Amino acid sequence: MLTLKDGPVMLNAQEWEVIEDVIPILKSFEVMTTELSGENYPTLAMVIPLVRSLHISLVSKQMRTYLGQLLKQKLLGNLNSRFKPIEEQNPKPEFSRANLLDPRFKKLAFQHTINAENVEKKQNSNISETPEIQTISNNEAVDLWSFLDDKLNTERTQITSVSTADNILKQYFSLPHSNRKSKPIDFWIKHKILLGELFNLALKYLVIPATSVPSERIFSKAGEIMSAKRNRTHPKNLDM
């Protein structure tokens, strides 16, 4: 910057110190934003654990400068006011339900046990104890395995009819937590028969929320293609 005639004024030593002080706490926000901006994996269930991890990260940071301390206080205040209610199913219950139904997190990410218990009670009421029974028509093609399939469906129906929603949830919670880098949908496909109607609830809540991230990425990519040095790209080629 010193070699530029119209370059900006150089930062002084105190300003450099402030920058070095605040970069670590801003880095945590960048990591969280990147995690929640994914398009190829469900992100709704990740909100509560990431918010809590971000809060713990901010609290643990020791700021050396006065401006760093002020920024830390402001960030913690906004984090609490904006995101604390979602664990309490306020204003929307989807975040807490998705977190509970993610086999990687279950109840671990909740800051308060009472919030996890309230979500569990709500899920209890949502589980249907009488699943739909699928029968095989006589007009369908002969299947040598049909007798076994029928027997399996009948047995599962009998077991489910005497099971309560509470028992299904207990089965779910008794299973070990999945690896954090695993895909939660794979877990539910694997345990679809065992966990019954809880499987349908998991598919309902383990989703990718609608965001503006994909469209913003398209504009960023377009800016990389149509630049000052590539300003004669044909519109058709740019669209492609």
C-alpha atoms as a PDB file:
ATOM      1  CA  MET A   1       0.000   0.000   0.000  1.00  0.00           C
ATOM      2  CA  LEU A   2       2.939   2.318   0.591  1.00  0.00           C
ATOM      3  CA  THR A   3       3.850   2.153  -3.115  1.00  0.00           C
ATOM      4  CA  LEU A   4       0.413   3.364  -4.277  1.00  0.00           C
ATOM      5  CA  LYS A   5      -0.084   7.076  -4.837  1.00  0.00           C
ATOM      6  CA  ASP A   6      -3.746   6.971  -3.823  1.00  0.00           C
ATOM      7  CA  GLY A   7      -3.412   4.066  -1.422  1.00  0.00           C
ATOM      8  CA  PRO A   8      -5.314   4.005   1.879  1.00  0.00           C
ATOM      9  CA  VAL A   9      -3.732   5.244   5.059  1.00  0.00           C
ATOM     10  CA  MET A  10      -1.742   2.499   6.742  1.00  0.00           C
ATOM     11  CA  LEU A  11      -3.116   1.035   9.959  1.00  0.00           C
ATOM     12  CA  ASN A  12      -1.260   1.896  13.129  1.00  0.00           C
ATOM     13  CA  ALA A  13       0.012  -0.625  15.650  1.00  0.00           C
ATOM     14  CA  GLN A  14      -3.051  -0.264  17.903  1.00  0.00           C
ATOM     15  CA  GLU A  15      -5.460  -0.922  15.027  1.00  0.00           C
ATOM     16  CA  TRP A  16      -3.509  -4.022  13.988  1.00  0.00           C
ATOM     17  CA  GLU A  17      -3.760  -5.270  17.566  1.00  0.00           C
ATOM     18  CA  VAL A  18      -7.550  -4.830  17.530  1.00  0.00           C
ATOM     19  CA  ILE A  19      -7.821  -6.705  14.228  1.00  0.00           C
ATOM     20  CA  GLU A  20      -5.738  -9.598  15.528  1.00  0.00           C
ATOM     21  CA  ASP A  21      -7.875  -9.622  18.671  1.00  0.00           C
ATOM     22  CA  VAL A  22     -11.281  -9.866  16.945  1.00  0.00           C
ATOM     23  CA  ILE A  23     -10.415 -12.236  14.086  1.00  0.00           C
ATOM     24  CA  PRO A  24     -10.740 -15.413  16.247  1.00  0.00           C
ATOM     25  CA  ILE A  25     -14.306 -14.615  17.380  1.00  0.00           C
ATOM     26  CA  LEU A  26     -15.371 -13.579  13.872  1.00  0.00           C
ATOM     27  CA  LYS A  27     -13.854 -16.812  12.546  1.00  0.00           C
ATOM     28  CA  SER A  28     -16.346 -18.790  14.647  1.00  0.00           C
ATOM     29  CA  PHE A  29     -19.224 -17.006  12.914  1.00  0.00           C
ATOM     30  CA  GLU A  30     -17.711 -17.738   9.521  1.00  0.00           C
ATOM     31  CA  VAL A  31     -17.437 -21.456  10.315  1.00  0.00           C
ATOM     32  CA  MET A  32     -21.051 -21.570  11.514  1.00  0.00           C
ATOM     33  CA  THR A  33     -22.299 -19.708   8.429  1.00  0.00           C
ATOM     34  CA  THR A  34     -20.474 -22.130   6.136  1.00  0.00           C
ATOM     35  CA  GLU A  35     -21.896 -25.167   7.971  1.00  0.00           C
ATOM     36  CA  LEU A  36     -25.480 -23.878   7.755  1.00  0.00           C
ATOM     37  CA  SER A  37     -25.168 -22.867   4.096  1.00  0.00           C
ATOM     38  CA  GLY A  38     -24.864 -26.439   2.846  1.00  0.00           C
ATOM     39  CA  GLU A  39     -27.145 -27.563   0.028  1.00  0.00           C
ATOM     40  CA  ASN A  40     -26.409 -31.313  -0.004  1.00  0.00           C
ATOM     41  CA  TYR A  41     -27.176 -32.268   3.601  1.00  0.00           C
ATOM     42  CA  PRO A  42     -29.965 -31.424   6.101  1.00  0.00           C
ATOM     43  CA  THR A  43     -29.055 -28.317   8.082  1.00  0.00           C
ATOM     44  CA  LEU A  44     -32.119 -27.561  10.208  1.00  0.00           C
ATOM     45  CA  ALA A  45     -31.040 -29.936  12.989  1.00  0.00           C
ATOM     46  CA  MET A  46     -27.600 -28.304  13.131  1.00  0.00           C
ATOM     47  CA  VAL A  47     -28.844 -24.876  14.220  1.00  0.00           C
ATOM     48  CA  ILE A  48     -29.234 -25.534  17.958  1.00  0.00           C
ATOM     49  CA  PRO A  49     -25.912 -27.395  18.465  1.00  0.00           C
ATOM     50  CA  LEU A  50     -24.007 -24.826  16.400  1.00  0.00           C
ATOM     51  CA  VAL A  51     -25.549 -21.895  18.248  1.00  0.00           C
ATOM     52  CA  ARG A  52     -24.632 -23.467  21.568  1.00  0.00           C
ATOM     53  CA  SER A  53     -21.099 -24.266  20.372  1.00  0.00           C
ATOM     54  CA  LEU A  54     -20.740 -20.699  19.123  1.00  0.00           C
ATOM     55  CA  HIS A  55     -21.856 -19.355  22.500  1.00  0.00           C
ATOM     56  CA  ILE A  56     -19.338 -21.539  24.348  1.00  0.00           C
ATOM     57  CA  SER A  57     -16.614 -20.468  21.921  1.00  0.00           C
ATOM     58  CA  LEU A  58     -17.338 -16.764  22.447  1.00  0.00           C
ATOM     59  CA  VAL A  59     -17.449 -17.057  26.231  1.00  0.00           C
ATOM     60  CA  SER A  60     -14.083 -18.845  26.282  1.00  0.00           C
ATOM     61  CA  LYS A  61     -12.329 -16.176  24.187  1.00  0.00           C
ATOM     62  CA  GLN A  62     -10.127 -13.805  26.210  1.00  0.00           C
ATOM     63  CA  MET A  63     -10.055 -10.381  24.552  1.00  0.00           C
ATOM     64  CA  ARG A  64      -6.938  -8.245  24.997  1.00  0.00           C
ATOM     65  CA  THR A  65      -8.283  -4.921  23.719  1.00  0.00           C
ATOM     66  CA  TYR A  66     -11.129  -2.686  24.846  1.00  0.00           C
ATOM     67  CA  LEU A  67     -12.814  -2.771  21.420  1.00  0.00           C
ATOM     68  CA  GLY A  68     -12.468  -6.547  21.391  1.00  0.00           C
ATOM     69  CA  GLN A  69     -14.260  -6.782  24.732  1.00  0.00           C
ATOM     70  CA  LEU A  70     -17.077  -4.518  23.512  1.00  0.00           C
ATOM     71  CA  LEU A  71     -17.508  -6.577  20.349  1.00  0.00           C
ATOM     72  CA  LYS A  72     -17.596  -9.802  22.354  1.00  0.00           C
ATOM     73  CA  GLN A  73     -20.320  -8.399  24.640  1.00  0.00           C
ATOM     74  CA  LYS A  74     -22.380  -7.211  21.669  1.00  0.00           C
ATOM     75  CA  LEU A  75     -22.086 -10.541  19.857  1.00  0.00           C
ATOM     76  CA  LEU A  76     -23.064 -12.533  22.958  1.00  0.00           C
ATOM     77  CA  GLY A  77     -26.029 -10.229  23.598  1.00  0.00           C
ATOM     78  CA  ASN A  78     -27.344 -10.572  20.054  1.00  0.00           C
ATOM     79  CA  LEU A  79     -26.708 -14.315  20.006  1.00  0.00           C
ATOM     80  CA  ASN A  80     -28.814 -14.766  23.134  1.00  0.00           C
ATOM     81  CA  SER A  81     -31.641 -12.461  22.053  1.00  0.00           C
ATOM     82  CA  ARG A  82     -31.913 -13.872  18.529  1.00  0.00           C
ATOM     83  CA  PHE A  83     -31.310 -17.597  19.001  1.00  0.00           C
ATOM     84  CA  LYS A  84     -31.991 -18.561  22.617  1.00  0.00           C
ATOM     85  CA  PRO A  85     -35.798 -18.913  22.117  1.00  0.00           C
ATOM     86  CA  ILE A  86     -35.486 -21.561  19.376  1.00  0.00           C
ATOM     87  CA  GLU A  87     -34.513 -24.236  21.904  1.00  0.00           C
ATOM     88  CA  GLU A  88     -37.770 -23.469  23.706  1.00  0.00           C
ATOM     89  CA  GLN A  89     -39.756 -24.096  20.480  1.00  0.00           C
ATOM     90  CA  ASN A  90     -40.310 -20.361  20.103  1.00  0.00           C
ATOM     91  CA  PRO A  91     -41.350 -18.958  17.680  1.00  0.00           C
ATOM     92  CA  LYS A  92     -41.089 -22.174  15.612  1.00  0.00           C
ATOM     93  CA  PRO A  93     -40.794 -25.746  16.963  1.00  0.00           C
ATOM     94  CA  GLU A  94     -39.065 -27.171  13.853  1.00  0.00           C
ATOM     95  CA  PHE A  95     -35.515 -26.453  15.063  1.00  0.00           C
ATOM     96  CA  SER A  96     -35.821 -28.339  18.357  1.00  0.00           C
ATOM     97  CA  ARG A  97     -37.754 -31.239  16.822  1.00  0.00           C
ATOM     98  CA  ALA A  98     -35.210 -31.658  14.042  1.00  0.00           C
ATOM     99  CA  ASN A  99     -32.410 -31.604  16.605  1.00  0.00           C
ATOM    100  CA  LEU A 100     -34.088 -34.299  18.719  1.00  0.00           C
ATOM    101  CA  LEU A 101     -34.649 -36.529  15.666  1.00  0.00           C
ATOM    102  CA  ASP A 102     -31.078 -36.232  14.440  1.00  0.00           C
ATOM    103  CA  PRO A 103     -29.277 -39.405  15.631  1.00  0.00           C
ATOM    104  CA  ARG A 104     -26.029 -37.442  15.884  1.00  0.00           C
ATOM    105  CA  PHE A 105     -27.387 -35.024  18.514  1.00  0.00           C
ATOM    106  CA  LYS A 106     -30.665 -36.227  20.125  1.00  0.00           C
ATOM    107  CA  LYS A 107     -30.741 -34.512  23.560  1.00  0.00           C
ATOM    108  CA  LEU A 108     -27.036 -33.699  23.812  1.00  0.00           C
ATOM    109  CA  ALA A 109     -27.193 -30.253  22.189  1.00  0.00           C
ATOM    110  CA  PHE A 110     -29.937 -28.827  24.402  1.00  0.00           C
ATOM    111  CA  GLN A 111     -28.656 -26.367  26.964  1.00  0.00           C
ATOM    112  CA  HIS A 112     -31.523 -27.058  29.364  1.00  0.00           C
ATOM    113  CA  THR A 113     -32.902 -30.533  30.076  1.00  0.00           C
ATOM    114  CA  ILE A 114     -36.441 -29.196  30.466  1.00  0.00           C
ATOM    115  CA  ASN A 115     -36.424 -28.025  26.845  1.00  0.00           C
ATOM    116  CA  ALA A 116     -35.424 -31.494  25.611  1.00  0.00           C
ATOM    117  CA  GLU A 117     -38.154 -33.086  27.741  1.00  0.00           C
ATOM    118  CA  ASN A 118     -40.790 -30.702  26.361  1.00  0.00           C
ATOM    119  CA  VAL A 119     -39.807 -31.554  22.787  1.00  0.00           C
ATOM    120  CA  GLU A 120     -39.906 -35.262  23.624  1.00  0.00           C
ATOM    121  CA  LYS A 121     -43.439 -34.925  25.028  1.00  0.00           C
ATOM    122  CA  LYS A 122     -44.538 -33.150  21.878  1.00  0.00           C
ATOM    123  CA  GLN A 123     -43.048 -35.876  19.719  1.00  0.00           C
ATOM    124  CA  ASN A 124     -44.888 -38.455  21.823  1.00  0.00           C
ATOM    125  CA  SER A 125     -48.207 -36.946  20.795  1.00  0.00           C
ATOM    126  CA  ASN A 126     -47.176 -36.867  17.128  1.00  0.00           C
ATOM    127  CA  ILE A 127     -46.344 -40.556  16.830  1.00  0.00           C
ATOM    128  CA  SER A 128     -49.166 -42.651  15.450  1.00  0.00           C
ATOM    129  CA  GLU A 129     -49.501 -46.010  17.185  1.00  0.00           C
ATOM    130  CA  THR A 130     -51.460 -47.569  14.330  1.00  0.00           C
ATOM    131  CA  PRO A 131     -49.392 -47.609  11.142  1.00  0.00           C
ATOM    132  CA  GLU A 132     -50.945 -48.256   7.771  1.00  0.00           C
ATOM    133  CA  ILE A 133     -51.021 -51.959   6.817  1.00  0.00           C
ATOM    134  CA  GLN A 134     -50.196 -52.826   3.222  1.00  0.00           C
ATOM    135  CA  THR A 135     -51.794 -55.999   1.860  1.00  0.00           C
ATOM    136  CA  ILE A 136     -50.894 -57.928  -1.267  1.00  0.00           C
ATOM    137  CA  SER A 137     -53.578 -58.350  -3.902  1.00  0.00           C
ATOM    138  CA  ASN A 138     -54.292 -61.820  -5.346  1.00  0.00           C
ATOM    139  CA  ASN A 139     -54.109 -60.339  -8.826  1.00  0.00           C
ATOM    140  CA  GLU A 140     -50.486 -59.299  -8.457  1.00  0.00           C
ATOM    141  CA  ALA A 141     -47.593 -61.347  -9.827  1.00  0.00           C
ATOM    142  CA  VAL A 142     -46.634 -64.425  -7.824  1.00  0.00           C
ATOM    143  CA  ASP A 143     -44.001 -63.659  -5.220  1.00  0.00           C
ATOM    144  CA  LEU A 144     -42.439 -66.643  -3.460  1.00  0.00           C
ATOM    145  CA  TRP A 145     -41.440 -64.398  -0.560  1.00  0.00           C
ATOM    146  CA  SER A 146     -44.933 -62.980  -0.039  1.00  0.00           C
ATOM    147  CA  PHE A 147     -45.778 -65.364   2.812  1.00  0.00           C
ATOM    148  CA  LEU A 148     -42.747 -64.157   4.760  1.00  0.00           C
ATOM    149  CA  ASP A 149     -43.512 -60.503   4.009  1.00  0.00           C
ATOM    150  CA  ASP A 150     -47.088 -60.970   5.193  1.00  0.00           C
ATOM    151  CA  LYS A 151     -45.955 -62.623   8.378  1.00  0.00           C
ATOM    152  CA  LEU A 152     -43.422 -59.890   9.033  1.00  0.00           C
ATOM    153  CA  ASN A 153     -46.038 -57.167   8.508  1.00  0.00           C
ATOM    154  CA  THR A 154     -48.492 -58.952  10.786  1.00  0.00           C
ATOM    155  CA  GLU A 155     -45.942 -59.398  13.562  1.00  0.00           C
ATOM    156  CA  ARG A 156     -44.787 -55.819  13.295  1.00  0.00           C
ATOM    157  CA  THR A 157     -48.396 -54.613  13.459  1.00  0.00           C
ATOM    158  CA  GLN A 158     -49.027 -56.663  16.624  1.00  0.00           C
ATOM    159  CA  ILE A 159     -45.895 -55.333  18.264  1.00  0.00           C
ATOM    160  CA  THR A 160     -46.684 -51.744  17.309  1.00  0.00           C
ATOM    161  CA  SER A 161     -50.277 -51.984  18.457  1.00  0.00           C
ATOM    162  CA  VAL A 162     -49.214 -52.782  22.010  1.00  0.00           C
ATOM    163  CA  SER A 163     -46.301 -50.374  22.009  1.00  0.00           C
ATOM    164  CA  THR A 164     -46.693 -46.811  23.119  1.00  0.00           C
ATOM    165  CA  ALA A 165     -45.127 -43.765  21.549  1.00  0.00           C
ATOM    166  CA  ASP A 166     -43.024 -43.518  24.678  1.00  0.00           C
ATOM    167  CA  ASN A 167     -41.560 -46.970  24.069  1.00  0.00           C
ATOM    168  CA  ILE A 168     -40.665 -46.081  20.480  1.00  0.00           C
ATOM    169  CA  LEU A 169     -38.843 -42.974  21.663  1.00  0.00           C
ATOM    170  CA  LYS A 170     -37.050 -44.984  24.335  1.00  0.00           C
ATOM    171  CA  GLN A 171     -35.872 -47.395  21.658  1.00  0.00           C
ATOM    172  CA  TYR A 172     -34.572 -44.461  19.646  1.00  0.00           C
ATOM    173  CA  PHE A 173     -32.733 -42.904  22.586  1.00  0.00           C
ATOM    174  CA  SER A 174     -31.262 -46.257  23.607  1.00  0.00           C
ATOM    175  CA  LEU A 175     -29.449 -46.570  20.294  1.00  0.00           C
ATOM    176  CA  PRO A 176     -25.890 -45.168  20.240  1.00  0.00           C
ATOM    177  CA  HIS A 177     -25.332 -41.715  18.782  1.00  0.00           C
ATOM    178  CA  SER A 178     -24.298 -41.651  15.145  1.00  0.00           C
ATOM    179  CA  ASN A 179     -20.961 -40.275  14.064  1.00  0.00           C
ATOM    180  CA  ARG A 180     -21.132 -36.499  13.674  1.00  0.00           C
ATOM    181  CA  LYS A 181     -19.964 -36.729  10.048  1.00  0.00           C
ATOM    182  CA  SER A 182     -22.494 -39.400   9.118  1.00  0.00           C
ATOM    183  CA  LYS A 183     -25.734 -38.771   7.232  1.00  0.00           C
ATOM    184  CA  PRO A 184     -28.766 -38.817   9.542  1.00  0.00           C
ATOM    185  CA  ILE A 185     -31.050 -40.018   6.745  1.00  0.00           C
ATOM    186  CA  ASP A 186     -28.939 -43.189   6.420  1.00  0.00           C
ATOM    187  CA  PHE A 187     -29.627 -43.931  10.091  1.00  0.00           C
ATOM    188  CA  TRP A 188     -33.383 -43.596   9.641  1.00  0.00           C
ATOM    189  CA  ILE A 189     -33.470 -45.743   6.511  1.00  0.00           C
ATOM    190  CA  LYS A 190     -31.558 -48.434   8.395  1.00  0.00           C
ATOM    191  CA  HIS A 191     -33.904 -48.309  11.403  1.00  0.00           C
ATOM    192  CA  LYS A 192     -37.138 -47.667   9.522  1.00  0.00           C
ATOM    193  CA  ILE A 193     -38.788 -50.936  10.604  1.00  0.00           C
ATOM    194  CA  LEU A 194     -37.634 -50.717  14.214  1.00  0.00           C
ATOM    195  CA  LEU A 195     -38.727 -47.140  14.893  1.00  0.00           C
ATOM    196  CA  GLY A 196     -41.968 -47.157  12.935  1.00  0.00           C
ATOM    197  CA  GLU A 197     -43.795 -43.831  12.707  1.00  0.00           C
ATOM    198  CA  LEU A 198     -40.823 -41.945  14.142  1.00  0.00           C
ATOM    199  CA  PHE A 199     -39.226 -42.504  10.734  1.00  0.00           C
ATOM    200  CA  ASN A 200     -41.903 -40.366   9.058  1.00  0.00           C
ATOM    201  CA  LEU A 201     -41.427 -37.570  11.574  1.00  0.00           C
ATOM    202  CA  ALA A 202     -37.680 -37.638  10.975  1.00  0.00           C
ATOM    203  CA  LEU A 203     -38.174 -37.231   7.225  1.00  0.00           C
ATOM    204  CA  LYS A 204     -40.506 -34.319   7.933  1.00  0.00           C
ATOM    205  CA  TYR A 205     -38.064 -32.338  10.076  1.00  0.00           C
ATOM    206  CA  LEU A 206     -34.583 -33.321   8.836  1.00  0.00           C
ATOM    207  CA  VAL A 207     -34.606 -30.854   5.956  1.00  0.00           C
ATOM    208  CA  ILE A 208     -32.646 -28.031   4.337  1.00  0.00           C
ATOM    209  CA  PRO A 209     -34.409 -24.724   5.103  1.00  0.00           C
ATOM    210  CA  ALA A 210     -35.066 -22.395   2.178  1.00  0.00           C
ATOM    211  CA  THR A 211     -32.354 -19.717   2.041  1.00  0.00           C
ATOM    212  CA  SER A 212     -30.967 -17.161  -0.381  1.00  0.00           C
ATOM    213  CA  VAL A 213     -27.550 -18.837  -0.367  1.00  0.00           C
ATOM    214  CA  PRO A 214     -27.902 -20.736  -3.704  1.00  0.00           C
ATOM    215  CA  SER A 215     -28.992 -17.617  -5.602  1.00  0.00           C
ATOM    216  CA  GLU A 216     -26.204 -15.566  -4.036  1.00  0.00           C
ATOM    217  CA  ARG A 217     -23.711 -18.224  -5.076  1.00  0.00           C
ATOM    218  CA  ILE A 218     -24.988 -17.989  -8.662  1.00  0.00           C
ATOM    219  CA  PHE A 219     -24.410 -14.229  -8.707  1.00  0.00           C
ATOM    220  CA  SER A 220     -20.933 -14.701  -7.255  1.00  0.00           C
ATOM    221  CA  LYS A 221     -20.117 -17.299  -9.898  1.00  0.00           C
ATOM    222  CA  ALA A 222     -21.437 -14.985 -12.637  1.00  0.00           C
ATOM    223  CA  GLY A 223     -19.176 -12.231 -11.329  1.00  0.00           C
ATOM    224  CA  GLU A 224     -16.191 -14.547 -11.638  1.00  0.00           C
ATOM    225  CA  ILE A 225     -17.083 -15.409 -15.239  1.00  0.00           C
ATOM    226  CA  MET A 226     -17.982 -11.922 -16.484  1.00  0.00           C
ATOM    227  CA  SER A 227     -15.065  -9.832 -15.279  1.00  0.00           C
ATOM    228  CA  ALA A 228     -13.230  -6.768 -16.576  1.00  0.00           C
ATOM    229  CA  LYS A 229     -10.780  -9.047 -18.388  1.00  0.00           C
ATOM    230  CA  ARG A 230     -13.553 -11.233 -19.840  1.00  0.00           C
ATOM    231  CA  ASN A 231     -16.074  -8.564 -20.792  1.00  0.00           C
ATOM    232  CA  ARG A 232     -16.812  -9.878 -24.308  1.00  0.00           C
ATOM    233  CA  THR A 233     -18.391 -13.163 -23.230  1.00  0.00           C
ATOM    234  CA  HIS A 234     -21.526 -13.758 -25.299  1.00  0.00           C
ATOM    235  CA  PRO A 235     -24.755 -13.566 -23.204  1.00  0.00           C
ATOM    236  CA  LYS A 236     -25.716 -17.102 -24.260  1.00  0.00           C
ATOM    237  CA  ASN A 237     -22.377 -18.465 -23.074  1.00  0.00           C
ATOM    238  CA  LEU A 238     -22.665 -16.531 -19.815  1.00  0.00           C
ATOM    239  CA  ASP A 239     -26.109 -18.022 -19.191  1.00  0.00           C
ATOM    240  CA  MET A 240     -24.730 -21.504 -19.798  1.00  0.00           C
END
